[in-house]
């Protein structure tokens, strides 16, 4: 690992920036895949669907209030 880091330090800034972007993008994709995998089992449950409806109820009231005031 030290050889890789030392070799990367000797590269021009454009190459180092490119490697940084690739590593950042790779980590983001990995985190996104973990997140999607964890959602797959939870969203299919009926309890979760009911909980989501309850959580969104205040926003529905807010939306109705905004619509009624703009008319």
PDB file of N, CA and C in Angstrom:
ATOM      1  N   UNK A   1       0.827  -1.185   0.000  1.00  0.00           N
ATOM      2  CA  UNK A   1       0.000   0.000   0.000  1.00  0.00           C
ATOM      3  C   UNK A   1       0.876   1.255   0.000  1.00  0.00           C
ATOM      4  N   UNK A   2       1.985   1.188   0.720  1.00  0.00           N
ATOM      5  CA  UNK A   2       2.863   2.351   0.748  1.00  0.00           C
ATOM      6  C   UNK A   2       3.434   2.643  -0.631  1.00  0.00           C
ATOM      7  N   UNK A   3       3.724   1.580  -1.410  1.00  0.00           N
ATOM      8  CA  UNK A   3       4.238   1.783  -2.762  1.00  0.00           C
ATOM      9  C   UNK A   3       3.207   2.473  -3.641  1.00  0.00           C
ATOM     10  N   UNK A   4       1.959   2.062  -3.500  1.00  0.00           N
ATOM     11  CA  UNK A   4       0.882   2.654  -4.306  1.00  0.00           C
ATOM     12  C   UNK A   4       0.725   4.125  -3.963  1.00  0.00           C
ATOM     13  N   UNK A   5       0.721   4.437  -2.685  1.00  0.00           N
ATOM     14  CA  UNK A   5       0.571   5.835  -2.253  1.00  0.00           C
ATOM     15  C   UNK A   5       1.757   6.665  -2.719  1.00  0.00           C
ATOM     16  N   UNK A   6       2.959   6.127  -2.582  1.00  0.00           N
ATOM     17  CA  UNK A   6       4.159   6.853  -3.007  1.00  0.00           C
ATOM     18  C   UNK A   6       4.129   7.076  -4.518  1.00  0.00           C
ATOM     19  N   UNK A   7       3.729   6.063  -5.266  1.00  0.00           N
ATOM     20  CA  UNK A   7       3.634   6.199  -6.718  1.00  0.00           C
ATOM     21  C   UNK A   7       2.586   7.243  -7.097  1.00  0.00           C
ATOM     22  N   UNK A   8       1.480   7.253  -6.396  1.00  0.00           N
ATOM     23  CA  UNK A   8       0.416   8.213  -6.674  1.00  0.00           C
ATOM     24  C   UNK A   8       0.853   9.641  -6.337  1.00  0.00           C
ATOM     25  N   UNK A   9       1.631   9.793  -5.289  1.00  0.00           N
ATOM     26  CA  UNK A   9       2.121  11.129  -4.920  1.00  0.00           C
ATOM     27  C   UNK A   9       3.046  11.699  -5.986  1.00  0.00           C
ATOM     28  N   UNK A  10       3.720  10.849  -6.716  1.00  0.00           N
ATOM     29  CA  UNK A  10       4.650  11.306  -7.744  1.00  0.00           C
ATOM     30  C   UNK A  10       3.946  11.632  -9.069  1.00  0.00           C
ATOM     31  N   UNK A  11       2.664  11.351  -9.162  1.00  0.00           N
ATOM     32  CA  UNK A  11       1.907  11.617 -10.383  1.00  0.00           C
ATOM     33  C   UNK A  11       1.489  13.091 -10.436  1.00  0.00           C
ATOM     34  N   UNK A  12       1.185  13.580 -11.633  1.00  0.00           N
ATOM     35  CA  UNK A  12       0.675  14.961 -11.741  1.00  0.00           C
ATOM     36  C   UNK A  12      -0.685  15.106 -11.045  1.00  0.00           C
ATOM     37  N   UNK A  13      -1.044  16.345 -10.781  1.00  0.00           N
ATOM     38  CA  UNK A  13      -2.273  16.611 -10.022  1.00  0.00           C
ATOM     39  C   UNK A  13      -3.510  16.097 -10.756  1.00  0.00           C
ATOM     40  N   UNK A  14      -3.528  16.182 -12.077  1.00  0.00           N
ATOM     41  CA  UNK A  14      -4.686  15.707 -12.838  1.00  0.00           C
ATOM     42  C   UNK A  14      -4.916  14.208 -12.626  1.00  0.00           C
ATOM     43  N   UNK A  15      -3.848  13.446 -12.606  1.00  0.00           N
ATOM     44  CA  UNK A  15      -3.960  12.003 -12.401  1.00  0.00           C
ATOM     45  C   UNK A  15      -4.436  11.716 -10.982  1.00  0.00           C
ATOM     46  N   UNK A  16      -3.887  12.419 -10.018  1.00  0.00           N
ATOM     47  CA  UNK A  16      -4.312  12.220  -8.618  1.00  0.00           C
ATOM     48  C   UNK A  16      -5.778  12.580  -8.444  1.00  0.00           C
ATOM     49  N   UNK A  17      -6.213  13.651  -9.093  1.00  0.00           N
ATOM     50  CA  UNK A  17      -7.617  14.065  -8.992  1.00  0.00           C
ATOM     51  C   UNK A  17      -8.528  13.019  -9.644  1.00  0.00           C
ATOM     52  N   UNK A  18      -8.089  12.459 -10.759  1.00  0.00           N
ATOM     53  CA  UNK A  18      -8.861  11.427 -11.440  1.00  0.00           C
ATOM     54  C   UNK A  18      -9.013  10.182 -10.557  1.00  0.00           C
ATOM     55  N   UNK A  19      -7.942   9.789  -9.913  1.00  0.00           N
ATOM     56  CA  UNK A  19      -7.986   8.636  -9.007  1.00  0.00           C
ATOM     57  C   UNK A  19      -8.909   8.939  -7.825  1.00  0.00           C
ATOM     58  N   UNK A  20      -8.839  10.151  -7.317  1.00  0.00           N
ATOM     59  CA  UNK A  20      -9.718  10.552  -6.214  1.00  0.00           C
ATOM     60  C   UNK A  20     -11.182  10.456  -6.625  1.00  0.00           C
ATOM     61  N   UNK A  21     -11.503  10.920  -7.833  1.00  0.00           N
ATOM     62  CA  UNK A  21     -12.897  10.851  -8.300  1.00  0.00           C
ATOM     63  C   UNK A  21     -13.347   9.410  -8.471  1.00  0.00           C
ATOM     64  N   UNK A  22     -12.483   8.565  -8.991  1.00  0.00           N
ATOM     65  CA  UNK A  22     -12.841   7.155  -9.152  1.00  0.00           C
ATOM     66  C   UNK A  22     -13.094   6.480  -7.803  1.00  0.00           C
ATOM     67  N   UNK A  23     -12.258   6.756  -6.839  1.00  0.00           N
ATOM     68  CA  UNK A  23     -12.424   6.152  -5.511  1.00  0.00           C
ATOM     69  C   UNK A  23     -13.706   6.669  -4.852  1.00  0.00           C
ATOM     70  N   UNK A  24     -13.959   7.959  -4.959  1.00  0.00           N
ATOM     71  CA  UNK A  24     -15.170   8.542  -4.370  1.00  0.00           C
ATOM     72  C   UNK A  24     -16.423   7.964  -5.018  1.00  0.00           C
ATOM     73  N   UNK A  25     -16.417   7.865  -6.348  1.00  0.00           N
ATOM     74  CA  UNK A  25     -17.560   7.304  -7.062  1.00  0.00           C
ATOM     75  C   UNK A  25     -17.773   5.842  -6.685  1.00  0.00           C
ATOM     76  N   UNK A  26     -16.697   5.080  -6.569  1.00  0.00           N
ATOM     77  CA  UNK A  26     -16.804   3.666  -6.191  1.00  0.00           C
ATOM     78  C   UNK A  26     -17.403   3.509  -4.799  1.00  0.00           C
ATOM     79  N   UNK A  27     -16.953   4.313  -3.861  1.00  0.00           N
ATOM     80  CA  UNK A  27     -17.501   4.243  -2.499  1.00  0.00           C
ATOM     81  C   UNK A  27     -18.975   4.627  -2.479  1.00  0.00           C
ATOM     82  N   UNK A  28     -19.342   5.626  -3.267  1.00  0.00           N
ATOM     83  CA  UNK A  28     -20.746   6.043  -3.328  1.00  0.00           C
ATOM     84  C   UNK A  28     -21.615   4.928  -3.899  1.00  0.00           C
ATOM     85  N   UNK A  29     -21.136   4.247  -4.921  1.00  0.00           N
ATOM     86  CA  UNK A  29     -21.905   3.142  -5.513  1.00  0.00           C
ATOM     87  C   UNK A  29     -22.068   2.005  -4.511  1.00  0.00           C
ATOM     88  N   UNK A  30     -21.009   1.700  -3.789  1.00  0.00           N
ATOM     89  CA  UNK A  30     -21.076   0.636  -2.778  1.00  0.00           C
ATOM     90  C   UNK A  30     -22.094   0.990  -1.702  1.00  0.00           C
ATOM     91  N   UNK A  31     -22.040   2.235  -1.210  1.00  0.00           N
ATOM     92  CA  UNK A  31     -23.010   2.656  -0.196  1.00  0.00           C
ATOM     93  C   UNK A  31     -24.436   2.632  -0.739  1.00  0.00           C
ATOM     94  N   UNK A  32     -24.627   3.035  -1.976  1.00  0.00           N
ATOM     95  CA  UNK A  32     -25.951   3.001  -2.581  1.00  0.00           C
ATOM     96  C   UNK A  32     -26.475   1.573  -2.700  1.00  0.00           C
ATOM     97  N   UNK A  33     -25.605   0.650  -3.086  1.00  0.00           N
ATOM     98  CA  UNK A  33     -26.015  -0.752  -3.183  1.00  0.00           C
ATOM     99  C   UNK A  33     -26.398  -1.321  -1.823  1.00  0.00           C
ATOM    100  N   UNK A  34     -25.632  -1.005  -0.785  1.00  0.00           N
ATOM    101  CA  UNK A  34     -25.986  -1.454   0.564  1.00  0.00           C
ATOM    102  C   UNK A  34     -27.335  -0.886   0.978  1.00  0.00           C
ATOM    103  N   UNK A  35     -27.564   0.393   0.666  1.00  0.00           N
ATOM    104  CA  UNK A  35     -28.814   1.042   1.037  1.00  0.00           C
ATOM    105  C   UNK A  35     -29.995   0.393   0.316  1.00  0.00           C
ATOM    106  N   UNK A  36     -29.864   0.153  -0.983  1.00  0.00           N
ATOM    107  CA  UNK A  36     -30.940  -0.477  -1.747  1.00  0.00           C
ATOM    108  C   UNK A  36     -31.187  -1.890  -1.246  1.00  0.00           C
ATOM    109  N   UNK A  37     -30.139  -2.624  -0.933  1.00  0.00           N
ATOM    110  CA  UNK A  37     -30.293  -3.985  -0.420  1.00  0.00           C
ATOM    111  C   UNK A  37     -31.044  -3.980   0.909  1.00  0.00           C
ATOM    112  N   UNK A  38     -30.755  -3.021   1.772  1.00  0.00           N
ATOM    113  CA  UNK A  38     -31.430  -2.976   3.072  1.00  0.00           C
ATOM    114  C   UNK A  38     -32.885  -2.544   2.932  1.00  0.00           C
ATOM    115  N   UNK A  39     -33.212  -1.764   1.914  1.00  0.00           N
ATOM    116  CA  UNK A  39     -34.597  -1.329   1.708  1.00  0.00           C
ATOM    117  C   UNK A  39     -35.483  -2.447   1.175  1.00  0.00           C
ATOM    118  N   UNK A  40     -34.923  -3.363   0.419  1.00  0.00           N
ATOM    119  CA  UNK A  40     -35.702  -4.401  -0.235  1.00  0.00           C
ATOM    120  C   UNK A  40     -36.551  -5.213   0.705  1.00  0.00           C
ATOM    121  N   UNK A  41     -36.054  -5.544   1.853  1.00  0.00           N
ATOM    122  CA  UNK A  41     -36.814  -6.376   2.779  1.00  0.00           C
ATOM    123  C   UNK A  41     -37.793  -5.559   3.605  1.00  0.00           C
ATOM    124  N   UNK A  42     -37.472  -4.317   3.896  1.00  0.00           N
ATOM    125  CA  UNK A  42     -38.317  -3.518   4.769  1.00  0.00           C
ATOM    126  C   UNK A  42     -39.548  -2.946   4.066  1.00  0.00           C
ATOM    127  N   UNK A  43     -39.429  -2.536   2.823  1.00  0.00           N
ATOM    128  CA  UNK A  43     -40.539  -1.874   2.154  1.00  0.00           C
ATOM    129  C   UNK A  43     -41.666  -2.826   1.767  1.00  0.00           C
ATOM    130  N   UNK A  44     -41.388  -4.112   1.724  1.00  0.00           N
ATOM    131  CA  UNK A  44     -42.411  -5.073   1.330  1.00  0.00           C
ATOM    132  C   UNK A  44     -43.355  -5.414   2.480  1.00  0.00           C
ATOM    133  N   UNK A  45     -42.969  -5.119   3.699  1.00  0.00           N
ATOM    134  CA  UNK A  45     -43.797  -5.462   4.856  1.00  0.00           C
ATOM    135  C   UNK A  45     -45.008  -4.531   4.951  1.00  0.00           C
ATOM    136  N   UNK A  46     -46.176  -5.077   5.285  1.00  0.00           N
ATOM    137  CA  UNK A  46     -47.381  -4.237   5.423  1.00  0.00           C
ATOM    138  C   UNK A  46     -47.256  -3.211   6.553  1.00  0.00           C
ATOM    139  N   UNK A  47     -46.559  -3.572   7.623  1.00  0.00           N
ATOM    140  CA  UNK A  47     -46.392  -2.624   8.738  1.00  0.00           C
ATOM    141  C   UNK A  47     -45.637  -1.394   8.280  1.00  0.00           C
ATOM    142  N   UNK A  48     -44.657  -1.589   7.422  1.00  0.00           N
ATOM    143  CA  UNK A  48     -43.861  -0.472   6.936  1.00  0.00           C
ATOM    144  C   UNK A  48     -44.706   0.441   6.061  1.00  0.00           C
ATOM    145  N   UNK A  49     -45.538  -0.136   5.220  1.00  0.00           N
ATOM    146  CA  UNK A  49     -46.394   0.669   4.354  1.00  0.00           C
ATOM    147  C   UNK A  49     -47.351   1.515   5.189  1.00  0.00           C
ATOM    148  N   UNK A  50     -47.912   0.930   6.236  1.00  0.00           N
ATOM    149  CA  UNK A  50     -48.822   1.665   7.119  1.00  0.00           C
ATOM    150  C   UNK A  50     -48.077   2.772   7.860  1.00  0.00           C
ATOM    151  N   UNK A  51     -46.868   2.475   8.281  1.00  0.00           N
ATOM    152  CA  UNK A  51     -46.055   3.472   8.982  1.00  0.00           C
ATOM    153  C   UNK A  51     -45.723   4.648   8.072  1.00  0.00           C
ATOM    154  N   UNK A  52     -45.446   4.366   6.813  1.00  0.00           N
ATOM    155  CA  UNK A  52     -45.144   5.441   5.858  1.00  0.00           C
ATOM    156  C   UNK A  52     -46.360   6.331   5.665  1.00  0.00           C
ATOM    157  N   UNK A  53     -47.539   5.730   5.588  1.00  0.00           N
ATOM    158  CA  UNK A  53     -48.771   6.522   5.437  1.00  0.00           C
ATOM    159  C   UNK A  53     -48.978   7.432   6.643  1.00  0.00           C
ATOM    160  N   UNK A  54     -48.712   6.906   7.841  1.00  0.00           N
ATOM    161  CA  UNK A  54     -48.867   7.705   9.051  1.00  0.00           C
ATOM    162  C   UNK A  54     -47.845   8.833   9.100  1.00  0.00           C
ATOM    163  N   UNK A  55     -46.629   8.562   8.643  1.00  0.00           N
ATOM    164  CA  UNK A  55     -45.584   9.582   8.660  1.00  0.00           C
ATOM    165  C   UNK A  55     -45.866  10.706   7.667  1.00  0.00           C
ATOM    166  N   UNK A  56     -46.529  10.395   6.568  1.00  0.00           N
ATOM    167  CA  UNK A  56     -46.806  11.393   5.544  1.00  0.00           C
ATOM    168  C   UNK A  56     -48.083  12.177   5.790  1.00  0.00           C
ATOM    169  N   UNK A  57     -48.867  11.809   6.787  1.00  0.00           N
ATOM    170  CA  UNK A  57     -50.138  12.488   7.057  1.00  0.00           C
ATOM    171  C   UNK A  57     -49.964  13.984   7.324  1.00  0.00           C
ATOM    172  N   UNK A  58     -48.992  14.421   8.117  1.00  0.00           N
ATOM    173  CA  UNK A  58     -48.843  15.877   8.322  1.00  0.00           C
ATOM    174  C   UNK A  58     -48.538  16.628   7.026  1.00  0.00           C
ATOM    175  N   UNK A  59     -47.796  16.015   6.119  1.00  0.00           N
ATOM    176  CA  UNK A  59     -47.494  16.670   4.852  1.00  0.00           C
ATOM    177  C   UNK A  59     -48.739  16.790   3.976  1.00  0.00           C
ATOM    178  N   UNK A  60     -49.616  15.816   4.077  1.00  0.00           N
ATOM    179  CA  UNK A  60     -50.874  15.879   3.323  1.00  0.00           C
ATOM    180  C   UNK A  60     -51.710  17.048   3.833  1.00  0.00           C
ATOM    181  N   UNK A  61     -51.752  17.217   5.150  1.00  0.00           N
ATOM    182  CA  UNK A  61     -52.493  18.339   5.719  1.00  0.00           C
ATOM    183  C   UNK A  61     -51.874  19.669   5.311  1.00  0.00           C
ATOM    184  N   UNK A  62     -50.564  19.734   5.311  1.00  0.00           N
ATOM    185  CA  UNK A  62     -49.870  20.950   4.905  1.00  0.00           C
ATOM    186  C   UNK A  62     -50.158  21.275   3.445  1.00  0.00           C
ATOM    187  N   UNK A  63     -50.131  20.260   2.593  1.00  0.00           N
ATOM    188  CA  UNK A  63     -50.415  20.449   1.171  1.00  0.00           C
ATOM    189  C   UNK A  63     -51.839  20.973   0.982  1.00  0.00           C
ATOM    190  N   UNK A  64     -52.797  20.384   1.688  1.00  0.00           N
ATOM    191  CA  UNK A  64     -54.182  20.830   1.586  1.00  0.00           C
ATOM    192  C   UNK A  64     -54.342  22.271   2.059  1.00  0.00           C
ATOM    193  N   UNK A  65     -53.608  22.627   3.113  1.00  0.00           N
ATOM    194  CA  UNK A  65     -53.659  23.991   3.651  1.00  0.00           C
ATOM    195  C   UNK A  65     -53.093  24.980   2.640  1.00  0.00           C
ATOM    196  N   UNK A  66     -51.981  24.634   2.009  1.00  0.00           N
ATOM    197  CA  UNK A  66     -51.375  25.529   1.027  1.00  0.00           C
ATOM    198  C   UNK A  66     -52.293  25.688  -0.180  1.00  0.00           C
ATOM    199  N   UNK A  67     -52.898  24.605  -0.618  1.00  0.00           N
ATOM    200  CA  UNK A  67     -53.800  24.672  -1.766  1.00  0.00           C
ATOM    201  C   UNK A  67     -55.016  25.542  -1.456  1.00  0.00           C
ATOM    202  N   UNK A  68     -55.562  25.393  -0.246  1.00  0.00           N
ATOM    203  CA  UNK A  68     -56.753  26.171   0.110  1.00  0.00           C
ATOM    204  C   UNK A  68     -56.434  27.662   0.264  1.00  0.00           C
ATOM    205  N   UNK A  69     -55.233  28.010   0.671  1.00  0.00           N
ATOM    206  CA  UNK A  69     -54.895  29.425   0.834  1.00  0.00           C
ATOM    207  C   UNK A  69     -54.560  30.100  -0.490  1.00  0.00           C
ATOM    208  N   UNK A  70     -54.145  29.310  -1.484  1.00  0.00           N
ATOM    209  CA  UNK A  70     -53.791  29.909  -2.772  1.00  0.00           C
ATOM    210  C   UNK A  70     -54.996  30.103  -3.673  1.00  0.00           C
ATOM    211  N   UNK A  71     -56.123  29.518  -3.341  1.00  0.00           N
ATOM    212  CA  UNK A  71     -57.330  29.659  -4.175  1.00  0.00           C
ATOM    213  C   UNK A  71     -58.022  30.956  -3.921  1.00  0.00           C
TER     214      UNK A  71
END
